[in-house]
Amino acid sequence: MNPTTSLSELIELHHALEAELAEAMAHPASSDAEIAAIKRKKLKLKDEIETMKHKTDAAA
């Protein structure tokens, strides 16, 4: 992620991945690999969000 990406932008991206995952799971044509890739992206983003929240809390 870009160091200037804000927490709200990361949260928006996470929500977009949630929607993408839901759509992929709703379509039988989606492969297991595709779904797994979306889940990995979503988890990575969640970790980045948590890291940013902890940095923000520590700075406050």
N, C-alpha and C. Protein backbone atom coordinates (compact mmCIF):
# COMPACT_ATOMS: atom_id res chain seq x y z
N MET A 1 0.84 -1.19 0.00
CA MET A 1 0.00 0.00 0.00
C MET A 1 0.87 1.24 0.00
N ASN A 2 0.38 2.25 -0.57
CA ASN A 2 1.03 3.55 -0.62
C ASN A 2 1.08 4.13 0.80
N PRO A 3 2.22 4.66 1.24
CA PRO A 3 2.30 5.20 2.61
C PRO A 3 1.35 6.36 2.87
N THR A 4 0.85 7.00 1.83
CA THR A 4 -0.07 8.12 2.03
C THR A 4 -1.54 7.70 2.01
N THR A 5 -1.78 6.39 1.88
CA THR A 5 -3.15 5.89 1.88
C THR A 5 -3.73 6.05 3.28
N SER A 6 -4.91 6.61 3.35
CA SER A 6 -5.53 6.85 4.65
C SER A 6 -6.29 5.62 5.12
N LEU A 7 -6.58 5.62 6.41
CA LEU A 7 -7.33 4.52 7.00
C LEU A 7 -8.69 4.37 6.33
N SER A 8 -9.35 5.47 6.06
CA SER A 8 -10.67 5.40 5.42
C SER A 8 -10.58 4.80 4.02
N GLU A 9 -9.50 5.08 3.30
CA GLU A 9 -9.33 4.49 1.97
C GLU A 9 -9.12 2.98 2.07
N LEU A 10 -8.35 2.56 3.07
CA LEU A 10 -8.13 1.13 3.26
C LEU A 10 -9.44 0.42 3.59
N ILE A 11 -10.25 1.05 4.43
CA ILE A 11 -11.54 0.47 4.79
C ILE A 11 -12.45 0.38 3.57
N GLU A 12 -12.43 1.40 2.73
CA GLU A 12 -13.22 1.37 1.49
C GLU A 12 -12.77 0.22 0.59
N LEU A 13 -11.46 0.05 0.47
CA LEU A 13 -10.94 -1.05 -0.35
C LEU A 13 -11.36 -2.40 0.22
N HIS A 14 -11.35 -2.51 1.54
CA HIS A 14 -11.76 -3.75 2.19
C HIS A 14 -13.23 -4.06 1.88
N HIS A 15 -14.08 -3.04 1.95
CA HIS A 15 -15.50 -3.23 1.62
C HIS A 15 -15.67 -3.62 0.16
N ALA A 16 -14.88 -3.03 -0.71
CA ALA A 16 -14.96 -3.38 -2.13
C ALA A 16 -14.58 -4.85 -2.34
N LEU A 17 -13.55 -5.31 -1.60
CA LEU A 17 -13.17 -6.72 -1.71
C LEU A 17 -14.25 -7.64 -1.15
N GLU A 18 -14.94 -7.20 -0.11
CA GLU A 18 -16.06 -7.98 0.43
C GLU A 18 -17.12 -8.17 -0.64
N ALA A 19 -17.43 -7.10 -1.35
CA ALA A 19 -18.44 -7.17 -2.41
C ALA A 19 -17.96 -8.06 -3.55
N GLU A 20 -16.69 -7.93 -3.91
CA GLU A 20 -16.12 -8.75 -4.98
C GLU A 20 -16.16 -10.23 -4.59
N LEU A 21 -15.84 -10.51 -3.33
CA LEU A 21 -15.87 -11.89 -2.85
C LEU A 21 -17.29 -12.45 -2.88
N ALA A 22 -18.25 -11.67 -2.41
CA ALA A 22 -19.64 -12.12 -2.41
C ALA A 22 -20.12 -12.42 -3.83
N GLU A 23 -19.73 -11.56 -4.76
CA GLU A 23 -20.14 -11.78 -6.15
C GLU A 23 -19.48 -13.03 -6.72
N ALA A 24 -18.20 -13.21 -6.43
CA ALA A 24 -17.49 -14.39 -6.94
C ALA A 24 -18.09 -15.67 -6.36
N MET A 25 -18.46 -15.64 -5.10
CA MET A 25 -19.02 -16.84 -4.46
C MET A 25 -20.44 -17.13 -4.97
N ALA A 26 -21.12 -16.11 -5.44
CA ALA A 26 -22.48 -16.29 -5.94
C ALA A 26 -22.50 -16.87 -7.36
N HIS A 27 -21.38 -16.81 -8.06
CA HIS A 27 -21.33 -17.30 -9.44
C HIS A 27 -20.58 -18.63 -9.48
N PRO A 28 -21.23 -19.67 -9.94
CA PRO A 28 -20.59 -20.99 -10.00
C PRO A 28 -19.37 -21.02 -10.93
N ALA A 29 -19.26 -20.07 -11.84
CA ALA A 29 -18.14 -20.06 -12.76
C ALA A 29 -16.84 -19.60 -12.09
N SER A 30 -16.94 -19.01 -10.92
CA SER A 30 -15.75 -18.55 -10.20
C SER A 30 -14.97 -19.75 -9.69
N SER A 31 -13.65 -19.70 -9.92
CA SER A 31 -12.82 -20.82 -9.48
C SER A 31 -12.45 -20.68 -8.00
N ASP A 32 -12.09 -21.80 -7.41
CA ASP A 32 -11.64 -21.78 -6.02
C ASP A 32 -10.39 -20.92 -5.87
N ALA A 33 -9.53 -20.95 -6.88
CA ALA A 33 -8.30 -20.15 -6.83
C ALA A 33 -8.62 -18.66 -6.83
N GLU A 34 -9.60 -18.27 -7.63
CA GLU A 34 -10.00 -16.86 -7.69
C GLU A 34 -10.56 -16.41 -6.34
N ILE A 35 -11.40 -17.24 -5.75
CA ILE A 35 -11.99 -16.91 -4.45
C ILE A 35 -10.91 -16.84 -3.38
N ALA A 36 -9.98 -17.78 -3.41
CA ALA A 36 -8.89 -17.78 -2.43
C ALA A 36 -8.02 -16.54 -2.58
N ALA A 37 -7.78 -16.10 -3.81
CA ALA A 37 -6.96 -14.90 -4.04
C ALA A 37 -7.65 -13.66 -3.46
N ILE A 38 -8.94 -13.56 -3.64
CA ILE A 38 -9.69 -12.43 -3.09
C ILE A 38 -9.62 -12.46 -1.56
N LYS A 39 -9.79 -13.65 -1.00
CA LYS A 39 -9.72 -13.78 0.47
C LYS A 39 -8.35 -13.38 0.99
N ARG A 40 -7.28 -13.78 0.28
CA ARG A 40 -5.92 -13.40 0.71
C ARG A 40 -5.74 -11.89 0.67
N LYS A 41 -6.22 -11.25 -0.41
CA LYS A 41 -6.13 -9.79 -0.51
C LYS A 41 -6.88 -9.13 0.64
N LYS A 42 -8.06 -9.66 0.93
CA LYS A 42 -8.90 -9.10 1.98
C LYS A 42 -8.21 -9.22 3.34
N LEU A 43 -7.62 -10.38 3.62
CA LEU A 43 -6.91 -10.57 4.89
C LEU A 43 -5.69 -9.67 5.01
N LYS A 44 -4.96 -9.53 3.91
CA LYS A 44 -3.79 -8.64 3.91
C LYS A 44 -4.21 -7.20 4.20
N LEU A 45 -5.28 -6.79 3.57
CA LEU A 45 -5.79 -5.44 3.77
C LEU A 45 -6.26 -5.25 5.21
N LYS A 46 -6.91 -6.27 5.76
CA LYS A 46 -7.36 -6.19 7.16
C LYS A 46 -6.17 -6.02 8.09
N ASP A 47 -5.10 -6.74 7.82
CA ASP A 47 -3.88 -6.61 8.64
C ASP A 47 -3.32 -5.19 8.54
N GLU A 48 -3.32 -4.63 7.34
CA GLU A 48 -2.83 -3.26 7.16
C GLU A 48 -3.71 -2.26 7.92
N ILE A 49 -5.01 -2.48 7.90
CA ILE A 49 -5.94 -1.61 8.62
C ILE A 49 -5.65 -1.67 10.12
N GLU A 50 -5.49 -2.88 10.66
CA GLU A 50 -5.20 -3.04 12.08
C GLU A 50 -3.87 -2.40 12.46
N THR A 51 -2.87 -2.57 11.62
CA THR A 51 -1.57 -1.95 11.87
C THR A 51 -1.70 -0.44 11.91
N MET A 52 -2.43 0.12 10.96
CA MET A 52 -2.60 1.56 10.91
C MET A 52 -3.37 2.06 12.13
N LYS A 53 -4.38 1.30 12.56
CA LYS A 53 -5.16 1.70 13.74
C LYS A 53 -4.26 1.71 14.97
N HIS A 54 -3.39 0.71 15.11
CA HIS A 54 -2.50 0.65 16.26
C HIS A 54 -1.50 1.80 16.23
N LYS A 55 -0.99 2.14 15.07
CA LYS A 55 -0.07 3.27 14.95
C LYS A 55 -0.76 4.57 15.31
N THR A 56 -2.02 4.71 14.88
CA THR A 56 -2.78 5.90 15.18
C THR A 56 -3.06 6.01 16.67
N ASP A 57 -3.41 4.88 17.30
CA ASP A 57 -3.67 4.86 18.73
C ASP A 57 -2.41 5.18 19.53
N ALA A 58 -1.28 4.66 19.08
CA ALA A 58 -0.02 4.90 19.78
C ALA A 58 0.42 6.35 19.67
N ALA A 59 0.09 6.98 18.57
CA ALA A 59 0.49 8.38 18.36
C ALA A 59 -0.41 9.34 19.13
N ALA A 60 -1.59 8.88 19.52
CA ALA A 60 -2.54 9.75 20.22
C ALA A 60 -2.24 9.89 21.68
